[in-house]
Amino acid sequence: MRLTVLNTARPALPRLSWTQTDLALASAFTMALLVDAGQTRWLAKGGWHEFRETNPILGPRPTVGQLNTYTAVCGLAVFGAAAAAPARVRPWLLAAALAVESFTIAGTTRQGIAIRF
């Protein structure tokens, strides 16, 4: 029995070059996304008493599983878009995503929900 192995060169994947600013914004967005998810999961585990989710994609009372899925998809979507965006646009995109999460956390905290992970 003879085994023939073909070895062809694979095309090199493009290398992403993120600046320190990009990495800082991406890290801050990740932390904010996790805090937002933690606050919302706490409400879901507690039965949503006197609260409801305002995100129209999730509906008024999503389950913990739905929240976990949404959090993962949201994070991947933001990072995918940031990776595909031109380098000059990337910090603006990440800053916008961070701002949305920050406003969400602030609003939830004003309603008396503690910051959780």
N, C-alpha and C. Protein backbone atom coordinates (compact mmCIF):
# COMPACT_ATOMS: atom_id res chain seq x y z
N MET A 1 0.85 -1.17 0.00
CA MET A 1 0.00 0.00 0.00
C MET A 1 0.90 1.23 0.00
N ARG A 2 0.59 2.14 -0.83
CA ARG A 2 1.37 3.36 -0.97
C ARG A 2 0.51 4.55 -0.55
N LEU A 3 1.07 5.44 0.23
CA LEU A 3 0.38 6.65 0.68
C LEU A 3 1.06 7.85 0.07
N THR A 4 0.30 8.62 -0.64
CA THR A 4 0.83 9.83 -1.26
C THR A 4 0.28 11.03 -0.52
N VAL A 5 1.16 11.88 -0.09
CA VAL A 5 0.76 13.09 0.63
C VAL A 5 1.09 14.28 -0.25
N LEU A 6 0.08 15.06 -0.50
CA LEU A 6 0.30 16.29 -1.26
C LEU A 6 0.44 17.44 -0.28
N ASN A 7 1.47 18.15 -0.42
CA ASN A 7 1.70 19.29 0.47
C ASN A 7 1.67 20.56 -0.38
N THR A 8 0.58 21.28 -0.26
CA THR A 8 0.48 22.53 -1.00
C THR A 8 0.51 23.68 -0.01
N ALA A 9 1.05 24.75 -0.46
CA ALA A 9 1.12 25.93 0.40
C ALA A 9 -0.27 26.51 0.59
N ARG A 10 -0.59 26.79 1.82
CA ARG A 10 -1.87 27.42 2.11
C ARG A 10 -1.70 28.93 2.09
N PRO A 11 -2.74 29.62 1.63
CA PRO A 11 -2.62 31.08 1.64
C PRO A 11 -2.54 31.59 3.08
N ALA A 12 -1.73 32.57 3.27
CA ALA A 12 -1.57 33.14 4.61
C ALA A 12 -2.81 33.95 4.96
N LEU A 13 -3.26 33.80 6.20
CA LEU A 13 -4.39 34.59 6.67
C LEU A 13 -3.92 36.01 6.93
N PRO A 14 -4.80 36.97 6.70
CA PRO A 14 -4.39 38.35 6.98
C PRO A 14 -4.16 38.52 8.48
N ARG A 15 -3.16 39.24 8.82
CA ARG A 15 -2.85 39.48 10.23
C ARG A 15 -3.51 40.78 10.65
N LEU A 16 -4.28 40.68 11.73
CA LEU A 16 -4.94 41.87 12.25
C LEU A 16 -3.97 42.63 13.14
N SER A 17 -3.91 43.90 12.94
CA SER A 17 -3.04 44.74 13.75
C SER A 17 -3.91 45.72 14.53
N TRP A 18 -4.07 45.44 15.80
CA TRP A 18 -4.89 46.30 16.66
C TRP A 18 -3.95 47.16 17.50
N THR A 19 -4.30 48.43 17.61
CA THR A 19 -3.51 49.35 18.41
C THR A 19 -3.82 49.14 19.89
N GLN A 20 -3.02 49.77 20.74
CA GLN A 20 -3.29 49.71 22.18
C GLN A 20 -4.66 50.30 22.50
N THR A 21 -5.05 51.34 21.79
CA THR A 21 -6.37 51.94 21.98
C THR A 21 -7.46 50.94 21.62
N ASP A 22 -7.29 50.24 20.50
CA ASP A 22 -8.27 49.23 20.09
C ASP A 22 -8.41 48.16 21.17
N LEU A 23 -7.28 47.68 21.68
CA LEU A 23 -7.30 46.64 22.70
C LEU A 23 -7.94 47.12 23.99
N ALA A 24 -7.65 48.36 24.38
CA ALA A 24 -8.25 48.92 25.60
C ALA A 24 -9.76 49.05 25.44
N LEU A 25 -10.21 49.54 24.30
CA LEU A 25 -11.65 49.67 24.06
C LEU A 25 -12.32 48.30 23.99
N ALA A 26 -11.68 47.34 23.35
CA ALA A 26 -12.24 45.99 23.26
C ALA A 26 -12.34 45.36 24.65
N SER A 27 -11.33 45.57 25.48
CA SER A 27 -11.35 45.04 26.85
C SER A 27 -12.45 45.69 27.68
N ALA A 28 -12.56 47.00 27.57
CA ALA A 28 -13.60 47.71 28.32
C ALA A 28 -14.99 47.28 27.85
N PHE A 29 -15.16 47.11 26.54
CA PHE A 29 -16.45 46.63 26.02
C PHE A 29 -16.77 45.25 26.57
N THR A 30 -15.78 44.36 26.59
CA THR A 30 -16.00 43.01 27.10
C THR A 30 -16.46 43.05 28.55
N MET A 31 -15.79 43.85 29.37
CA MET A 31 -16.18 43.96 30.78
C MET A 31 -17.59 44.53 30.91
N ALA A 32 -17.90 45.55 30.14
CA ALA A 32 -19.24 46.15 30.21
C ALA A 32 -20.30 45.16 29.75
N LEU A 33 -20.02 44.40 28.71
CA LEU A 33 -20.97 43.40 28.22
C LEU A 33 -21.22 42.34 29.30
N LEU A 34 -20.16 41.92 29.99
CA LEU A 34 -20.32 40.92 31.04
C LEU A 34 -21.08 41.47 32.24
N VAL A 35 -20.85 42.73 32.59
CA VAL A 35 -21.60 43.35 33.69
C VAL A 35 -23.08 43.44 33.31
N ASP A 36 -23.37 43.91 32.11
CA ASP A 36 -24.75 44.01 31.64
C ASP A 36 -25.41 42.63 31.67
N ALA A 37 -24.72 41.63 31.18
CA ALA A 37 -25.27 40.27 31.17
C ALA A 37 -25.49 39.77 32.59
N GLY A 38 -24.56 40.08 33.50
CA GLY A 38 -24.71 39.65 34.89
C GLY A 38 -25.92 40.27 35.56
N GLN A 39 -26.12 41.56 35.33
CA GLN A 39 -27.29 42.24 35.89
C GLN A 39 -28.57 41.61 35.35
N THR A 40 -28.61 41.37 34.06
CA THR A 40 -29.82 40.84 33.43
C THR A 40 -30.06 39.39 33.83
N ARG A 41 -29.00 38.59 33.93
CA ARG A 41 -29.16 37.20 34.39
C ARG A 41 -29.70 37.15 35.81
N TRP A 42 -29.25 38.08 36.65
CA TRP A 42 -29.75 38.13 38.03
C TRP A 42 -31.26 38.37 38.03
N LEU A 43 -31.71 39.27 37.19
CA LEU A 43 -33.16 39.52 37.08
C LEU A 43 -33.89 38.28 36.56
N ALA A 44 -33.32 37.62 35.57
CA ALA A 44 -33.96 36.43 35.00
C ALA A 44 -34.05 35.31 36.04
N LYS A 45 -33.00 35.12 36.81
CA LYS A 45 -33.01 34.08 37.85
C LYS A 45 -34.03 34.39 38.93
N GLY A 46 -34.26 35.67 39.17
CA GLY A 46 -35.21 36.09 40.20
C GLY A 46 -36.65 36.14 39.73
N GLY A 47 -36.91 35.84 38.48
CA GLY A 47 -38.27 35.81 37.99
C GLY A 47 -38.78 37.13 37.42
N TRP A 48 -37.93 38.09 37.26
CA TRP A 48 -38.30 39.37 36.64
C TRP A 48 -39.37 40.13 37.42
N HIS A 49 -39.43 39.96 38.74
CA HIS A 49 -40.44 40.66 39.54
C HIS A 49 -40.30 42.17 39.39
N GLU A 50 -41.35 42.80 38.92
CA GLU A 50 -41.43 44.25 38.73
C GLU A 50 -40.42 44.80 37.72
N PHE A 51 -39.81 43.94 36.93
CA PHE A 51 -38.85 44.36 35.91
C PHE A 51 -39.20 43.69 34.60
N ARG A 52 -38.70 44.28 33.51
CA ARG A 52 -38.81 43.65 32.20
C ARG A 52 -37.63 44.10 31.36
N GLU A 53 -37.25 43.27 30.43
CA GLU A 53 -36.16 43.59 29.50
C GLU A 53 -36.71 44.53 28.44
N THR A 54 -35.94 45.57 28.11
CA THR A 54 -36.38 46.53 27.11
C THR A 54 -35.79 46.27 25.72
N ASN A 55 -34.89 45.30 25.62
CA ASN A 55 -34.32 44.95 24.32
C ASN A 55 -35.37 44.19 23.51
N PRO A 56 -35.81 44.75 22.38
CA PRO A 56 -36.88 44.09 21.62
C PRO A 56 -36.46 42.74 21.02
N ILE A 57 -35.19 42.51 20.86
CA ILE A 57 -34.72 41.23 20.33
C ILE A 57 -34.94 40.12 21.35
N LEU A 58 -34.74 40.43 22.63
CA LEU A 58 -34.85 39.42 23.69
C LEU A 58 -36.28 39.21 24.17
N GLY A 59 -37.11 40.21 24.04
CA GLY A 59 -38.46 40.10 24.60
C GLY A 59 -38.48 40.56 26.05
N PRO A 60 -39.67 40.65 26.66
CA PRO A 60 -39.78 41.25 27.99
C PRO A 60 -39.17 40.42 29.12
N ARG A 61 -39.15 39.08 29.00
CA ARG A 61 -38.65 38.24 30.08
C ARG A 61 -37.84 37.06 29.54
N PRO A 62 -36.64 37.30 29.04
CA PRO A 62 -35.85 36.20 28.48
C PRO A 62 -35.32 35.27 29.57
N THR A 63 -35.03 34.04 29.18
CA THR A 63 -34.44 33.07 30.10
C THR A 63 -32.93 33.31 30.20
N VAL A 64 -32.32 32.66 31.18
CA VAL A 64 -30.87 32.77 31.35
C VAL A 64 -30.17 32.23 30.10
N GLY A 65 -30.66 31.14 29.55
CA GLY A 65 -30.07 30.57 28.33
C GLY A 65 -30.14 31.53 27.16
N GLN A 66 -31.28 32.19 27.00
CA GLN A 66 -31.42 33.17 25.93
C GLN A 66 -30.45 34.33 26.14
N LEU A 67 -30.29 34.75 27.38
CA LEU A 67 -29.36 35.85 27.68
C LEU A 67 -27.92 35.45 27.39
N ASN A 68 -27.56 34.24 27.76
CA ASN A 68 -26.19 33.77 27.49
C ASN A 68 -25.92 33.71 25.99
N THR A 69 -26.88 33.20 25.24
CA THR A 69 -26.72 33.14 23.78
C THR A 69 -26.61 34.53 23.18
N TYR A 70 -27.49 35.42 23.60
CA TYR A 70 -27.47 36.79 23.09
C TYR A 70 -26.15 37.48 23.42
N THR A 71 -25.65 37.29 24.63
CA THR A 71 -24.38 37.91 25.03
C THR A 71 -23.24 37.42 24.15
N ALA A 72 -23.17 36.12 23.91
CA ALA A 72 -22.11 35.56 23.07
C ALA A 72 -22.22 36.09 21.64
N VAL A 73 -23.42 36.10 21.09
CA VAL A 73 -23.62 36.57 19.71
C VAL A 73 -23.28 38.05 19.60
N CYS A 74 -23.70 38.83 20.59
CA CYS A 74 -23.42 40.27 20.58
C CYS A 74 -21.91 40.53 20.63
N GLY A 75 -21.22 39.84 21.51
CA GLY A 75 -19.77 40.01 21.60
C GLY A 75 -19.07 39.62 20.31
N LEU A 76 -19.45 38.47 19.75
CA LEU A 76 -18.84 38.03 18.49
C LEU A 76 -19.15 38.98 17.35
N ALA A 77 -20.36 39.52 17.33
CA ALA A 77 -20.73 40.45 16.26
C ALA A 77 -19.91 41.73 16.34
N VAL A 78 -19.75 42.26 17.54
CA VAL A 78 -18.97 43.50 17.70
C VAL A 78 -17.51 43.26 17.34
N PHE A 79 -16.94 42.17 17.84
CA PHE A 79 -15.53 41.90 17.53
C PHE A 79 -15.33 41.53 16.07
N GLY A 80 -16.27 40.84 15.48
CA GLY A 80 -16.18 40.53 14.05
C GLY A 80 -16.24 41.78 13.21
N ALA A 81 -17.17 42.67 13.55
CA ALA A 81 -17.27 43.93 12.81
C ALA A 81 -16.02 44.77 13.00
N ALA A 82 -15.49 44.78 14.23
CA ALA A 82 -14.27 45.56 14.50
C ALA A 82 -13.08 44.99 13.72
N ALA A 83 -13.00 43.68 13.65
CA ALA A 83 -11.89 43.06 12.91
C ALA A 83 -11.99 43.34 11.41
N ALA A 84 -13.21 43.39 10.90
CA ALA A 84 -13.41 43.62 9.47
C ALA A 84 -13.33 45.10 9.10
N ALA A 85 -13.52 45.97 10.08
CA ALA A 85 -13.53 47.41 9.81
C ALA A 85 -12.12 47.92 9.50
N PRO A 86 -12.04 48.97 8.71
CA PRO A 86 -10.73 49.59 8.50
C PRO A 86 -10.15 50.08 9.84
N ALA A 87 -8.85 50.10 9.92
CA ALA A 87 -8.18 50.46 11.18
C ALA A 87 -8.62 51.81 11.73
N ARG A 88 -8.91 52.77 10.86
CA ARG A 88 -9.30 54.10 11.34
C ARG A 88 -10.72 54.11 11.89
N VAL A 89 -11.55 53.14 11.50
CA VAL A 89 -12.94 53.06 11.96
C VAL A 89 -13.07 52.24 13.24
N ARG A 90 -12.15 51.30 13.44
CA ARG A 90 -12.23 50.35 14.55
C ARG A 90 -12.42 51.01 15.92
N PRO A 91 -11.63 52.03 16.29
CA PRO A 91 -11.84 52.61 17.62
C PRO A 91 -13.21 53.26 17.77
N TRP A 92 -13.74 53.82 16.70
CA TRP A 92 -15.07 54.44 16.77
C TRP A 92 -16.14 53.38 16.98
N LEU A 93 -16.01 52.27 16.29
CA LEU A 93 -16.98 51.19 16.43
C LEU A 93 -16.94 50.61 17.85
N LEU A 94 -15.74 50.35 18.35
CA LEU A 94 -15.61 49.80 19.70
C LEU A 94 -16.08 50.80 20.76
N ALA A 95 -15.79 52.08 20.55
CA ALA A 95 -16.24 53.10 21.50
C ALA A 95 -17.76 53.22 21.50
N ALA A 96 -18.37 53.10 20.34
CA ALA A 96 -19.84 53.16 20.26
C ALA A 96 -20.46 51.97 20.99
N ALA A 97 -19.90 50.78 20.79
CA ALA A 97 -20.41 49.59 21.48
C ALA A 97 -20.23 49.73 22.99
N LEU A 98 -19.10 50.26 23.41
CA LEU A 98 -18.85 50.50 24.83
C LEU A 98 -19.84 51.51 25.39
N ALA A 99 -20.12 52.56 24.65
CA ALA A 99 -21.07 53.59 25.11
C ALA A 99 -22.46 52.99 25.30
N VAL A 100 -22.91 52.18 24.36
CA VAL A 100 -24.23 51.55 24.48
C VAL A 100 -24.29 50.70 25.75
N GLU A 101 -23.27 49.89 25.97
CA GLU A 101 -23.24 49.05 27.16
C GLU A 101 -23.17 49.89 28.44
N SER A 102 -22.39 50.95 28.42
CA SER A 102 -22.26 51.81 29.60
C SER A 102 -23.59 52.47 29.96
N PHE A 103 -24.30 52.97 28.96
CA PHE A 103 -25.62 53.57 29.21
C PHE A 103 -26.60 52.53 29.73
N THR A 104 -26.52 51.32 29.21
CA THR A 104 -27.40 50.25 29.67
C THR A 104 -27.14 49.91 31.13
N ILE A 105 -25.87 49.78 31.49
CA ILE A 105 -25.50 49.47 32.87
C ILE A 105 -25.95 50.59 33.80
N ALA A 106 -25.72 51.83 33.39
CA ALA A 106 -26.11 52.98 34.22
C ALA A 106 -27.62 52.99 34.45
N GLY A 107 -28.39 52.72 33.40
CA GLY A 107 -29.84 52.71 33.54
C GLY A 107 -30.32 51.60 34.47
N THR A 108 -29.72 50.43 34.35
CA THR A 108 -30.09 49.31 35.20
C THR A 108 -29.69 49.59 36.65
N THR A 109 -28.54 50.19 36.84
CA THR A 109 -28.08 50.52 38.19
C THR A 109 -28.99 51.56 38.83
N ARG A 110 -29.44 52.54 38.05
CA ARG A 110 -30.37 53.55 38.58
C ARG A 110 -31.68 52.93 39.05
N GLN A 111 -32.03 51.78 38.49
CA GLN A 111 -33.25 51.09 38.91
C GLN A 111 -33.03 50.23 40.15
N GLY A 112 -31.81 50.25 40.67
CA GLY A 112 -31.53 49.53 41.92
C GLY A 112 -30.89 48.17 41.75
N ILE A 113 -30.47 47.83 40.55
CA ILE A 113 -29.83 46.53 40.30
C ILE A 113 -28.33 46.71 40.43
N ALA A 114 -27.72 45.91 41.31
CA ALA A 114 -26.29 46.02 41.57
C ALA A 114 -25.48 45.57 40.36
N ILE A 115 -24.25 46.03 40.30
CA ILE A 115 -23.32 45.58 39.25
C ILE A 115 -22.83 44.20 39.64
N ARG A 116 -23.05 43.24 38.72
CA ARG A 116 -22.70 41.84 38.97
C ARG A 116 -21.97 41.27 37.76
N PHE A 117 -21.25 40.17 38.02
CA PHE A 117 -20.58 39.44 36.94
C PHE A 117 -21.21 38.08 36.80
